[in-house]
Amino acid sequence: MAVRLLHGAFDPWEAMRRHEERQAGLAAKYGATASFVGTLRDFNEGASVSGMFLEHYPGMTEKQLERIVAEAAQRWPLLDSLVLHRVGQIEPGAAIVLVAVWTSHRGDAFDACRHIMEALKSQAPFWKKESLEQGDRWVERNSDGYAAKADKAALV
């Protein structure tokens, strides 16, 4: 189980590949890997976003992420997990977060991955400041994870 905050860009797929290589002893034990990769959109709440600065509370953020993963490991039979999260300046299209879990069965993998991601969004101490044409703004709340009408209109 690994949790890390990253101050620079990362390739989530390469990070998963390297993590699996280091956990080679688990290769024949897991039958399911579920992952989620979040990237920075170039729009949010009806406005174009040209970047975002992601702040965290050093020490506390890592502990909270570790607590979320430990809680998931008590609820589902996780063989391994990897949570990587960016902090600092992020550009649209860049990966912000990777949550990956390895389990024996897909149901546990899907459920645990989703649980970790949703708990991360609602419980981990991160603060987001978006850069817009009109200036910067703090993001006051996370979305529910589904496209809002304004965001759907931005996609067409």
Foldseek 3Di string as FASTA:
>chain_A
DEEEEDADFDDQVVVVVVVCVVVVVCVVPFPDKDKDWDFAALDDPQFGFFKKAKDADPPQLRVQLVVQLVVLVVVAVWPDWYWYAYGGIHGGPTTGIMIMTTHRDHVSRVVSSVSSVVCSQVPGGMWMWTQGPVGIDTDPHDDPPDDDPSRVVVVD
